[in-house]
Amino acid sequence: MKNKQKQIQLRDVQDVIDIIGGRWRGAILASLCDKEKRFNELKRDLGSITPRTLTKELKYLEMNKLIIREVDASSVVTIVYRLTKHGKSLEPLIGQIVIWGQKHRKVVLG
C-alpha cells in the first residue's frame, strides 16, 4: 500500500515538473504573477526567447488552463495574457522556487 502511495506522489511531482519545467514555462508564469502582459512585454521580460518559442509555450500553458489569452478589440486590437484562477494557485510555489533559487545560487557560487 505504501508503494502505491509513493508511486502516486512521484507521478504528481512529475506532472508538475512537466507542466512548469523546461527553459521558459516557469519564467513565463513568474512574469505573469506580477500582472497581465502583452506578448512583447513577456518577450522583453524573458530576453532571449524567440517569438516562435514564446508563442508555442503560451499555447501550451493555455491548453493546460494556467493562462488565458484575452483579445480586447476596443480601438486597437490588443491581446493580453494573464494567469487563470488555476494558474494563480501556482504563485506560492513560484515564490518558493525564487527563494530556493537565490539560496542555491549562493551555495553554488559561494
PDB file of N, CA and C in Angstrom:
ATOM      1  N   MET A   1       0.814  -1.196   0.000  1.00  0.00           N
ATOM      2  CA  MET A   1       0.000   0.000   0.000  1.00  0.00           C
ATOM      3  C   MET A   1       0.855   1.256   0.000  1.00  0.00           C
ATOM      4  N   LYS A   2       1.935   1.266   0.774  1.00  0.00           N
ATOM      5  CA  LYS A   2       2.818   2.428   0.798  1.00  0.00           C
ATOM      6  C   LYS A   2       3.475   2.651  -0.555  1.00  0.00           C
ATOM      7  N   ASN A   3       3.837   1.576  -1.233  1.00  0.00           N
ATOM      8  CA  ASN A   3       4.482   1.688  -2.541  1.00  0.00           C
ATOM      9  C   ASN A   3       3.536   2.350  -3.546  1.00  0.00           C
ATOM     10  N   LYS A   4       2.264   1.992  -3.498  1.00  0.00           N
ATOM     11  CA  LYS A   4       1.264   2.587  -4.400  1.00  0.00           C
ATOM     12  C   LYS A   4       1.141   4.089  -4.132  1.00  0.00           C
ATOM     13  N   GLN A   5       1.096   4.476  -2.858  1.00  0.00           N
ATOM     14  CA  GLN A   5       1.007   5.891  -2.490  1.00  0.00           C
ATOM     15  C   GLN A   5       2.239   6.645  -2.975  1.00  0.00           C
ATOM     16  N   LYS A   6       3.414   6.044  -2.821  1.00  0.00           N
ATOM     17  CA  LYS A   6       4.650   6.684  -3.270  1.00  0.00           C
ATOM     18  C   LYS A   6       4.638   6.867  -4.783  1.00  0.00           C
ATOM     19  N   GLN A   7       4.154   5.879  -5.509  1.00  0.00           N
ATOM     20  CA  GLN A   7       4.064   5.986  -6.964  1.00  0.00           C
ATOM     21  C   GLN A   7       3.144   7.133  -7.375  1.00  0.00           C
ATOM     22  N   ILE A   8       2.037   7.302  -6.658  1.00  0.00           N
ATOM     23  CA  ILE A   8       1.104   8.388  -6.953  1.00  0.00           C
ATOM     24  C   ILE A   8       1.786   9.730  -6.692  1.00  0.00           C
ATOM     25  N   GLN A   9       2.511   9.842  -5.572  1.00  0.00           N
ATOM     26  CA  GLN A   9       3.214  11.080  -5.255  1.00  0.00           C
ATOM     27  C   GLN A   9       4.279  11.404  -6.300  1.00  0.00           C
ATOM     28  N   LEU A  10       5.012  10.393  -6.728  1.00  0.00           N
ATOM     29  CA  LEU A  10       6.042  10.616  -7.751  1.00  0.00           C
ATOM     30  C   LEU A  10       5.420  11.048  -9.067  1.00  0.00           C
ATOM     31  N   ARG A  11       4.279  10.471  -9.410  1.00  0.00           N
ATOM     32  CA  ARG A  11       3.563  10.881 -10.628  1.00  0.00           C
ATOM     33  C   ARG A  11       3.108  12.333 -10.521  1.00  0.00           C
ATOM     34  N   ASP A  12       2.625  12.711  -9.336  1.00  0.00           N
ATOM     35  CA  ASP A  12       2.190  14.096  -9.120  1.00  0.00           C
ATOM     36  C   ASP A  12       3.351  15.066  -9.292  1.00  0.00           C
ATOM     37  N   VAL A  13       4.508  14.720  -8.738  1.00  0.00           N
ATOM     38  CA  VAL A  13       5.697  15.569  -8.880  1.00  0.00           C
ATOM     39  C   VAL A  13       6.074  15.675 -10.349  1.00  0.00           C
ATOM     40  N   GLN A  14       6.058  14.560 -11.049  1.00  0.00           N
ATOM     41  CA  GLN A  14       6.416  14.565 -12.469  1.00  0.00           C
ATOM     42  C   GLN A  14       5.453  15.401 -13.290  1.00  0.00           C
ATOM     43  N   ASP A  15       4.158  15.338 -12.952  1.00  0.00           N
ATOM     44  CA  ASP A  15       3.165  16.159 -13.654  1.00  0.00           C
ATOM     45  C   ASP A  15       3.494  17.642 -13.524  1.00  0.00           C
ATOM     46  N   VAL A  16       3.810  18.077 -12.300  1.00  0.00           N
ATOM     47  CA  VAL A  16       4.130  19.492 -12.071  1.00  0.00           C
ATOM     48  C   VAL A  16       5.382  19.877 -12.845  1.00  0.00           C
ATOM     49  N   ILE A  17       6.407  19.052 -12.774  1.00  0.00           N
ATOM     50  CA  ILE A  17       7.659  19.359 -13.466  1.00  0.00           C
ATOM     51  C   ILE A  17       7.441  19.392 -14.978  1.00  0.00           C
ATOM     52  N   ASP A  18       6.628  18.490 -15.496  1.00  0.00           N
ATOM     53  CA  ASP A  18       6.332  18.500 -16.932  1.00  0.00           C
ATOM     54  C   ASP A  18       5.634  19.792 -17.352  1.00  0.00           C
ATOM     55  N   ILE A  19       4.731  20.284 -16.510  1.00  0.00           N
ATOM     56  CA  ILE A  19       3.950  21.457 -16.886  1.00  0.00           C
ATOM     57  C   ILE A  19       4.748  22.749 -16.718  1.00  0.00           C
ATOM     58  N   ILE A  20       5.454  22.917 -15.607  1.00  0.00           N
ATOM     59  CA  ILE A  20       6.157  24.187 -15.387  1.00  0.00           C
ATOM     60  C   ILE A  20       7.645  24.094 -15.678  1.00  0.00           C
ATOM     61  N   GLY A  21       8.090  22.895 -16.044  1.00  0.00           N
ATOM     62  CA  GLY A  21       9.507  22.706 -16.323  1.00  0.00           C
ATOM     63  C   GLY A  21       9.887  23.267 -17.676  1.00  0.00           C
ATOM     64  N   GLY A  22      11.050  22.931 -18.095  1.00  0.00           N
ATOM     65  CA  GLY A  22      11.529  23.461 -19.360  1.00  0.00           C
ATOM     66  C   GLY A  22      12.185  24.806 -19.145  1.00  0.00           C
ATOM     67  N   ARG A  23      12.739  25.309 -20.168  1.00  0.00           N
ATOM     68  CA  ARG A  23      13.519  26.538 -20.049  1.00  0.00           C
ATOM     69  C   ARG A  23      12.659  27.773 -19.819  1.00  0.00           C
ATOM     70  N   TRP A  24      11.440  27.815 -20.376  1.00  0.00           N
ATOM     71  CA  TRP A  24      10.692  29.065 -20.400  1.00  0.00           C
ATOM     72  C   TRP A  24       9.399  29.097 -19.606  1.00  0.00           C
ATOM     73  N   ARG A  25       8.747  27.967 -19.398  1.00  0.00           N
ATOM     74  CA  ARG A  25       7.401  27.981 -18.810  1.00  0.00           C
ATOM     75  C   ARG A  25       7.359  28.594 -17.423  1.00  0.00           C
ATOM     76  N   GLY A  26       8.288  28.196 -16.568  1.00  0.00           N
ATOM     77  CA  GLY A  26       8.320  28.760 -15.216  1.00  0.00           C
ATOM     78  C   GLY A  26       8.536  30.255 -15.233  1.00  0.00           C
ATOM     79  N   ALA A  27       9.418  30.711 -16.113  1.00  0.00           N
ATOM     80  CA  ALA A  27       9.694  32.144 -16.214  1.00  0.00           C
ATOM     81  C   ALA A  27       8.476  32.904 -16.748  1.00  0.00           C
ATOM     82  N   ILE A  28       7.759  32.312 -17.691  1.00  0.00           N
ATOM     83  CA  ILE A  28       6.540  32.951 -18.212  1.00  0.00           C
ATOM     84  C   ILE A  28       5.519  33.091 -17.085  1.00  0.00           C
ATOM     85  N   LEU A  29       5.325  32.008 -16.333  1.00  0.00           N
ATOM     86  CA  LEU A  29       4.369  32.054 -15.230  1.00  0.00           C
ATOM     87  C   LEU A  29       4.795  33.068 -14.172  1.00  0.00           C
ATOM     88  N   ALA A  30       6.094  33.086 -13.861  1.00  0.00           N
ATOM     89  CA  ALA A  30       6.593  34.043 -12.871  1.00  0.00           C
ATOM     90  C   ALA A  30       6.364  35.477 -13.347  1.00  0.00           C
ATOM     91  N   SER A  31       6.577  35.727 -14.615  1.00  0.00           N
ATOM     92  CA  SER A  31       6.362  37.060 -15.168  1.00  0.00           C
ATOM     93  C   SER A  31       4.893  37.463 -15.067  1.00  0.00           C
ATOM     94  N   LEU A  32       4.003  36.510 -15.298  1.00  0.00           N
ATOM     95  CA  LEU A  32       2.573  36.807 -15.252  1.00  0.00           C
ATOM     96  C   LEU A  32       2.036  36.893 -13.825  1.00  0.00           C
ATOM     97  N   CYS A  33       2.820  36.484 -12.836  1.00  0.00           N
ATOM     98  CA  CYS A  33       2.397  36.648 -11.446  1.00  0.00           C
ATOM     99  C   CYS A  33       2.283  38.121 -11.096  1.00  0.00           C
ATOM    100  N   ASP A  34       3.115  38.955 -11.715  1.00  0.00           N
ATOM    101  CA  ASP A  34       3.092  40.387 -11.435  1.00  0.00           C
ATOM    102  C   ASP A  34       1.797  41.027 -11.912  1.00  0.00           C
ATOM    103  N   LYS A  35       1.472  40.789 -13.180  1.00  0.00           N
ATOM    104  CA  LYS A  35       0.280  41.396 -13.793  1.00  0.00           C
ATOM    105  C   LYS A  35       0.093  40.784 -15.174  1.00  0.00           C
ATOM    106  N   GLU A  36      -1.050  41.047 -15.772  1.00  0.00           N
ATOM    107  CA  GLU A  36      -1.265  40.595 -17.143  1.00  0.00           C
ATOM    108  C   GLU A  36      -0.306  41.334 -18.057  1.00  0.00           C
ATOM    109  N   LYS A  37       0.069  40.666 -19.141  1.00  0.00           N
ATOM    110  CA  LYS A  37       1.052  41.277 -20.047  1.00  0.00           C
ATOM    111  C   LYS A  37       0.715  40.968 -21.491  1.00  0.00           C
ATOM    112  N   ARG A  38       1.170  41.868 -22.345  1.00  0.00           N
ATOM    113  CA  ARG A  38       1.075  41.649 -23.775  1.00  0.00           C
ATOM    114  C   ARG A  38       2.270  40.810 -24.216  1.00  0.00           C
ATOM    115  N   PHE A  39       2.173  40.288 -25.427  1.00  0.00           N
ATOM    116  CA  PHE A  39       3.209  39.406 -25.970  1.00  0.00           C
ATOM    117  C   PHE A  39       4.595  40.048 -25.884  1.00  0.00           C
ATOM    118  N   ASN A  40       4.718  41.283 -26.370  1.00  0.00           N
ATOM    119  CA  ASN A  40       6.027  41.940 -26.392  1.00  0.00           C
ATOM    120  C   ASN A  40       6.555  42.254 -24.994  1.00  0.00           C
ATOM    121  N   GLU A  41       5.658  42.479 -24.041  1.00  0.00           N
ATOM    122  CA  GLU A  41       6.098  42.679 -22.652  1.00  0.00           C
ATOM    123  C   GLU A  41       6.704  41.391 -22.108  1.00  0.00           C
ATOM    124  N   LEU A  42       6.052  40.272 -22.406  1.00  0.00           N
ATOM    125  CA  LEU A  42       6.598  38.977 -21.983  1.00  0.00           C
ATOM    126  C   LEU A  42       7.947  38.724 -22.648  1.00  0.00           C
ATOM    127  N   LYS A  43       8.011  38.993 -23.941  1.00  0.00           N
ATOM    128  CA  LYS A  43       9.264  38.787 -24.680  1.00  0.00           C
ATOM    129  C   LYS A  43      10.381  39.626 -24.079  1.00  0.00           C
ATOM    130  N   ARG A  44      10.081  40.859 -23.739  1.00  0.00           N
ATOM    131  CA  ARG A  44      11.076  41.751 -23.124  1.00  0.00           C
ATOM    132  C   ARG A  44      11.521  41.211 -21.752  1.00  0.00           C
ATOM    133  N   ASP A  45      10.568  40.731 -20.951  1.00  0.00           N
ATOM    134  CA  ASP A  45      10.903  40.158 -19.645  1.00  0.00           C
ATOM    135  C   ASP A  45      11.828  38.953 -19.778  1.00  0.00           C
ATOM    136  N   LEU A  46      11.573  38.128 -20.794  1.00  0.00           N
ATOM    137  CA  LEU A  46      12.288  36.860 -20.926  1.00  0.00           C
ATOM    138  C   LEU A  46      13.599  36.975 -21.686  1.00  0.00           C
ATOM    139  N   GLY A  47      13.806  38.059 -22.371  1.00  0.00           N
ATOM    140  CA  GLY A  47      15.092  38.280 -23.032  1.00  0.00           C
ATOM    141  C   GLY A  47      15.269  37.506 -24.316  1.00  0.00           C
ATOM    142  N   SER A  48      15.999  36.416 -24.266  1.00  0.00           N
ATOM    143  CA  SER A  48      16.441  35.755 -25.498  1.00  0.00           C
ATOM    144  C   SER A  48      15.447  34.759 -26.091  1.00  0.00           C
ATOM    145  N   ILE A  49      14.242  34.684 -25.580  1.00  0.00           N
ATOM    146  CA  ILE A  49      13.259  33.759 -26.152  1.00  0.00           C
ATOM    147  C   ILE A  49      12.857  34.245 -27.551  1.00  0.00           C
ATOM    148  N   THR A  50      12.694  33.307 -28.476  1.00  0.00           N
ATOM    149  CA  THR A  50      12.256  33.670 -29.820  1.00  0.00           C
ATOM    150  C   THR A  50      10.731  33.825 -29.833  1.00  0.00           C
ATOM    151  N   PRO A  51      10.206  34.637 -30.740  1.00  0.00           N
ATOM    152  CA  PRO A  51       8.748  34.774 -30.826  1.00  0.00           C
ATOM    153  C   PRO A  51       8.046  33.429 -31.055  1.00  0.00           C
ATOM    154  N   ARG A  52       8.641  32.590 -31.873  1.00  0.00           N
ATOM    155  CA  ARG A  52       8.047  31.280 -32.148  1.00  0.00           C
ATOM    156  C   ARG A  52       7.970  30.428 -30.881  1.00  0.00           C
ATOM    157  N   THR A  53       9.046  30.418 -30.110  1.00  0.00           N
ATOM    158  CA  THR A  53       9.060  29.634 -28.875  1.00  0.00           C
ATOM    159  C   THR A  53       8.075  30.207 -27.869  1.00  0.00           C
ATOM    160  N   LEU A  54       8.031  31.522 -27.731  1.00  0.00           N
ATOM    161  CA  LEU A  54       7.089  32.135 -26.799  1.00  0.00           C
ATOM    162  C   LEU A  54       5.661  31.786 -27.189  1.00  0.00           C
ATOM    163  N   THR A  55       5.344  31.863 -28.460  1.00  0.00           N
ATOM    164  CA  THR A  55       4.001  31.500 -28.932  1.00  0.00           C
ATOM    165  C   THR A  55       3.674  30.058 -28.577  1.00  0.00           C
ATOM    166  N   LYS A  56       4.612  29.165 -28.837  1.00  0.00           N
ATOM    167  CA  LYS A  56       4.406  27.742 -28.543  1.00  0.00           C
ATOM    168  C   LYS A  56       4.183  27.513 -27.048  1.00  0.00           C
ATOM    169  N   GLU A  57       4.997  28.139 -26.211  1.00  0.00           N
ATOM    170  CA  GLU A  57       4.874  27.958 -24.759  1.00  0.00           C
ATOM    171  C   GLU A  57       3.586  28.571 -24.222  1.00  0.00           C
ATOM    172  N   LEU A  58       3.179  29.725 -24.753  1.00  0.00           N
ATOM    173  CA  LEU A  58       1.919  30.332 -24.332  1.00  0.00           C
ATOM    174  C   LEU A  58       0.741  29.429 -24.686  1.00  0.00           C
ATOM    175  N   LYS A  59       0.767  28.834 -25.867  1.00  0.00           N
ATOM    176  CA  LYS A  59      -0.307  27.910 -26.259  1.00  0.00           C
ATOM    177  C   LYS A  59      -0.342  26.700 -25.336  1.00  0.00           C
ATOM    178  N   TYR A  60       0.840  26.186 -24.967  1.00  0.00           N
ATOM    179  CA  TYR A  60       0.922  25.044 -24.063  1.00  0.00           C
ATOM    180  C   TYR A  60       0.324  25.397 -22.697  1.00  0.00           C
ATOM    181  N   LEU A  61       0.703  26.553 -22.158  1.00  0.00           N
ATOM    182  CA  LEU A  61       0.191  26.968 -20.851  1.00  0.00           C
ATOM    183  C   LEU A  61      -1.305  27.248 -20.904  1.00  0.00           C
ATOM    184  N   GLU A  62      -1.776  27.760 -22.029  1.00  0.00           N
ATOM    185  CA  GLU A  62      -3.208  27.991 -22.202  1.00  0.00           C
ATOM    186  C   GLU A  62      -3.956  26.657 -22.273  1.00  0.00           C
ATOM    187  N   MET A  63      -3.395  25.707 -22.994  1.00  0.00           N
ATOM    188  CA  MET A  63      -4.008  24.388 -23.108  1.00  0.00           C
ATOM    189  C   MET A  63      -4.113  23.712 -21.731  1.00  0.00           C
ATOM    190  N   ASN A  64      -3.151  23.969 -20.867  1.00  0.00           N
ATOM    191  CA  ASN A  64      -3.156  23.395 -19.523  1.00  0.00           C
ATOM    192  C   ASN A  64      -3.902  24.265 -18.514  1.00  0.00           C
ATOM    193  N   LYS A  65      -4.622  25.261 -19.021  1.00  0.00           N
ATOM    194  CA  LYS A  65      -5.509  26.113 -18.228  1.00  0.00           C
ATOM    195  C   LYS A  65      -4.791  26.898 -17.134  1.00  0.00           C
ATOM    196  N   LEU A  66      -3.528  27.258 -17.391  1.00  0.00           N
ATOM    197  CA  LEU A  66      -2.767  28.061 -16.444  1.00  0.00           C
ATOM    198  C   LEU A  66      -2.802  29.545 -16.808  1.00  0.00           C
ATOM    199  N   ILE A  67      -2.979  29.821 -18.096  1.00  0.00           N
ATOM    200  CA  ILE A  67      -3.097  31.212 -18.542  1.00  0.00           C
ATOM    201  C   ILE A  67      -4.301  31.328 -19.469  1.00  0.00           C
ATOM    202  N   ILE A  68      -4.705  32.554 -19.664  1.00  0.00           N
ATOM    203  CA  ILE A  68      -5.776  32.825 -20.609  1.00  0.00           C
ATOM    204  C   ILE A  68      -5.309  33.939 -21.540  1.00  0.00           C
ATOM    205  N   ARG A  69      -5.679  33.817 -22.776  1.00  0.00           N
ATOM    206  CA  ARG A  69      -5.375  34.820 -23.806  1.00  0.00           C
ATOM    207  C   ARG A  69      -6.645  35.623 -24.026  1.00  0.00           C
ATOM    208  N   GLU A  70      -6.573  36.918 -23.772  1.00  0.00           N
ATOM    209  CA  GLU A  70      -7.746  37.769 -23.929  1.00  0.00           C
ATOM    210  C   GLU A  70      -7.524  38.780 -25.046  1.00  0.00           C
ATOM    211  N   VAL A  71      -8.520  38.913 -25.898  1.00  0.00           N
ATOM    212  CA  VAL A  71      -8.459  39.865 -27.005  1.00  0.00           C
ATOM    213  C   VAL A  71      -9.360  41.042 -26.663  1.00  0.00           C
ATOM    214  N   ASP A  72      -8.773  42.231 -26.654  1.00  0.00           N
ATOM    215  CA  ASP A  72      -9.520  43.467 -26.423  1.00  0.00           C
ATOM    216  C   ASP A  72      -9.578  44.199 -27.766  1.00  0.00           C
ATOM    217  N   ALA A  73     -10.768  44.239 -28.336  1.00  0.00           N
ATOM    218  CA  ALA A  73     -10.925  44.836 -29.665  1.00  0.00           C
ATOM    219  C   ALA A  73     -11.523  46.232 -29.587  1.00  0.00           C
ATOM    220  N   SER A  74     -11.170  46.984 -28.555  1.00  0.00           N
ATOM    221  CA  SER A  74     -11.711  48.352 -28.463  1.00  0.00           C
ATOM    222  C   SER A  74     -11.248  49.162 -29.666  1.00  0.00           C
ATOM    223  N   SER A  75     -10.387  50.116 -29.528  1.00  0.00           N
ATOM    224  CA  SER A  75      -9.967  50.907 -30.691  1.00  0.00           C
ATOM    225  C   SER A  75      -8.895  50.174 -31.497  1.00  0.00           C
ATOM    226  N   VAL A  76      -7.918  49.605 -30.808  1.00  0.00           N
ATOM    227  CA  VAL A  76      -6.867  48.817 -31.459  1.00  0.00           C
ATOM    228  C   VAL A  76      -6.906  47.430 -30.825  1.00  0.00           C
ATOM    229  N   VAL A  77      -6.810  46.425 -31.656  1.00  0.00           N
ATOM    230  CA  VAL A  77      -6.840  45.065 -31.126  1.00  0.00           C
ATOM    231  C   VAL A  77      -5.612  44.837 -30.249  1.00  0.00           C
ATOM    232  N   THR A  78      -5.868  44.478 -28.992  1.00  0.00           N
ATOM    233  CA  THR A  78      -4.807  44.210 -28.035  1.00  0.00           C
ATOM    234  C   THR A  78      -5.019  42.824 -27.463  1.00  0.00           C
ATOM    235  N   ILE A  79      -3.957  42.045 -27.399  1.00  0.00           N
ATOM    236  CA  ILE A  79      -4.022  40.707 -26.818  1.00  0.00           C
ATOM    237  C   ILE A  79      -3.180  40.715 -25.561  1.00  0.00           C
ATOM    238  N   VAL A  80      -3.788  40.277 -24.464  1.00  0.00           N
ATOM    239  CA  VAL A  80      -3.055  40.175 -23.203  1.00  0.00           C
ATOM    240  C   VAL A  80      -3.147  38.746 -22.685  1.00  0.00           C
ATOM    241  N   TYR A  81      -2.150  38.377 -21.925  1.00  0.00           N
ATOM    242  CA  TYR A  81      -2.101  37.069 -21.291  1.00  0.00           C
ATOM    243  C   TYR A  81      -2.126  37.283 -19.792  1.00  0.00           C
ATOM    244  N   ARG A  82      -2.890  36.447 -19.099  1.00  0.00           N
ATOM    245  CA  ARG A  82      -2.942  36.536 -17.648  1.00  0.00           C
ATOM    246  C   ARG A  82      -3.122  35.143 -17.071  1.00  0.00           C
ATOM    247  N   LEU A  83      -2.805  35.024 -15.798  1.00  0.00           N
ATOM    248  CA  LEU A  83      -2.993  33.751 -15.122  1.00  0.00           C
ATOM    249  C   LEU A  83      -4.476  33.496 -14.910  1.00  0.00           C
ATOM    250  N   THR A  84      -4.876  32.252 -15.050  1.00  0.00           N
ATOM    251  CA  THR A  84      -6.228  31.855 -14.680  1.00  0.00           C
ATOM    252  C   THR A  84      -6.262  31.682 -13.162  1.00  0.00           C
ATOM    253  N   LYS A  85      -7.420  31.413 -12.627  1.00  0.00           N
ATOM    254  CA  LYS A  85      -7.522  31.124 -11.189  1.00  0.00           C
ATOM    255  C   LYS A  85      -6.634  29.921 -10.856  1.00  0.00           C
ATOM    256  N   HIS A  86      -6.670  28.931 -11.708  1.00  0.00           N
ATOM    257  CA  HIS A  86      -5.838  27.737 -11.526  1.00  0.00           C
ATOM    258  C   HIS A  86      -4.353  28.102 -11.594  1.00  0.00           C
ATOM    259  N   GLY A  87      -3.998  28.978 -12.532  1.00  0.00           N
ATOM    260  CA  GLY A  87      -2.609  29.423 -12.656  1.00  0.00           C
ATOM    261  C   GLY A  87      -2.158  30.210 -11.437  1.00  0.00           C
ATOM    262  N   LYS A  88      -3.060  31.031 -10.885  1.00  0.00           N
ATOM    263  CA  LYS A  88      -2.722  31.813  -9.689  1.00  0.00           C
ATOM    264  C   LYS A  88      -2.411  30.912  -8.503  1.00  0.00           C
ATOM    265  N   SER A  89      -2.935  29.697  -8.520  1.00  0.00           N
ATOM    266  CA  SER A  89      -2.645  28.774  -7.414  1.00  0.00           C
ATOM    267  C   SER A  89      -1.168  28.381  -7.388  1.00  0.00           C
ATOM    268  N   LEU A  90      -0.453  28.646  -8.481  1.00  0.00           N
ATOM    269  CA  LEU A  90       0.988  28.369  -8.541  1.00  0.00           C
ATOM    270  C   LEU A  90       1.838  29.486  -7.933  1.00  0.00           C
ATOM    271  N   GLU A  91       1.261  30.650  -7.664  1.00  0.00           N
ATOM    272  CA  GLU A  91       2.038  31.786  -7.162  1.00  0.00           C
ATOM    273  C   GLU A  91       2.854  31.455  -5.907  1.00  0.00           C
ATOM    274  N   PRO A  92       2.280  30.785  -4.886  1.00  0.00           N
ATOM    275  CA  PRO A  92       3.112  30.443  -3.716  1.00  0.00           C
ATOM    276  C   PRO A  92       4.277  29.511  -4.080  1.00  0.00           C
ATOM    277  N   LEU A  93       4.032  28.565  -4.967  1.00  0.00           N
ATOM    278  CA  LEU A  93       5.083  27.651  -5.399  1.00  0.00           C
ATOM    279  C   LEU A  93       6.182  28.412  -6.142  1.00  0.00           C
ATOM    280  N   ILE A  94       5.795  29.310  -7.021  1.00  0.00           N
ATOM    281  CA  ILE A  94       6.780  30.100  -7.759  1.00  0.00           C
ATOM    282  C   ILE A  94       7.586  30.971  -6.800  1.00  0.00           C
ATOM    283  N   GLY A  95       6.921  31.541  -5.809  1.00  0.00           N
ATOM    284  CA  GLY A  95       7.628  32.327  -4.801  1.00  0.00           C
ATOM    285  C   GLY A  95       8.668  31.488  -4.062  1.00  0.00           C
ATOM    286  N   GLN A  96       8.308  30.264  -3.719  1.00  0.00           N
ATOM    287  CA  GLN A  96       9.252  29.374  -3.039  1.00  0.00           C
ATOM    288  C   GLN A  96      10.399  28.962  -3.962  1.00  0.00           C
ATOM    289  N   ILE A  97      10.111  28.781  -5.228  1.00  0.00           N
ATOM    290  CA  ILE A  97      11.165  28.451  -6.195  1.00  0.00           C
ATOM    291  C   ILE A  97      12.161  29.604  -6.298  1.00  0.00           C
ATOM    292  N   VAL A  98      11.655  30.836  -6.300  1.00  0.00           N
ATOM    293  CA  VAL A  98      12.530  32.011  -6.348  1.00  0.00           C
ATOM    294  C   VAL A  98      13.454  32.026  -5.126  1.00  0.00           C
ATOM    295  N   ILE A  99      12.879  31.825  -3.951  1.00  0.00           N
ATOM    296  CA  ILE A  99      13.678  31.821  -2.718  1.00  0.00           C
ATOM    297  C   ILE A  99      14.721  30.713  -2.758  1.00  0.00           C
ATOM    298  N   TRP A 100      14.311  29.508  -3.166  1.00  0.00           N
ATOM    299  CA  TRP A 100      15.250  28.394  -3.238  1.00  0.00           C
ATOM    300  C   TRP A 100      16.342  28.680  -4.266  1.00  0.00           C
ATOM    301  N   GLY A 101      15.971  29.253  -5.392  1.00  0.00           N
ATOM    302  CA  GLY A 101      16.946  29.581  -6.437  1.00  0.00           C
ATOM    303  C   GLY A 101      17.988  30.569  -5.951  1.00  0.00           C
ATOM    304  N   GLN A 102      17.569  31.551  -5.170  1.00  0.00           N
ATOM    305  CA  GLN A 102      18.516  32.521  -4.614  1.00  0.00           C
ATOM    306  C   GLN A 102      19.484  31.844  -3.644  1.00  0.00           C
ATOM    307  N   LYS A 103      18.943  30.973  -2.789  1.00  0.00           N
ATOM    308  CA  LYS A 103      19.799  30.243  -1.840  1.00  0.00           C
ATOM    309  C   LYS A 103      20.754  29.312  -2.582  1.00  0.00           C
ATOM    310  N   HIS A 104      20.245  28.631  -3.580  1.00  0.00           N
ATOM    311  CA  HIS A 104      21.074  27.696  -4.350  1.00  0.00           C
ATOM    312  C   HIS A 104      22.203  28.417  -5.055  1.00  0.00           C
ATOM    313  N   ARG A 105      21.906  29.565  -5.636  1.00  0.00           N
ATOM    314  CA  ARG A 105      22.938  30.352  -6.321  1.00  0.00           C
ATOM    315  C   ARG A 105      24.056  30.714  -5.353  1.00  0.00           C
ATOM    316  N   LYS A 106      23.698  31.085  -4.119  1.00  0.00           N
ATOM    317  CA  LYS A 106      24.713  31.414  -3.102  1.00  0.00           C
ATOM    318  C   LYS A 106      25.565  30.198  -2.747  1.00  0.00           C
ATOM    319  N   VAL A 107      24.927  29.042  -2.623  1.00  0.00           N
ATOM    320  CA  VAL A 107      25.654  27.813  -2.301  1.00  0.00           C
ATOM    321  C   VAL A 107      26.629  27.452  -3.420  1.00  0.00           C
ATOM    322  N   VAL A 108      26.169  27.526  -4.642  1.00  0.00           N
ATOM    323  CA  VAL A 108      26.985  27.119  -5.782  1.00  0.00           C
ATOM    324  C   VAL A 108      28.078  28.123  -6.083  1.00  0.00           C
ATOM    325  N   LEU A 109      27.735  29.399  -6.026  1.00  0.00           N
ATOM    326  CA  LEU A 109      28.713  30.428  -6.368  1.00  0.00           C
ATOM    327  C   LEU A 109      29.573  30.863  -5.179  1.00  0.00           C
ATOM    328  N   GLY A 110      29.157  30.457  -3.997  1.00  0.00           N
ATOM    329  CA  GLY A 110      29.957  30.747  -2.796  1.00  0.00           C
ATOM    330  C   GLY A 110      29.734  32.043  -2.229  1.00  0.00           C
TER     331      GLY A 110
END
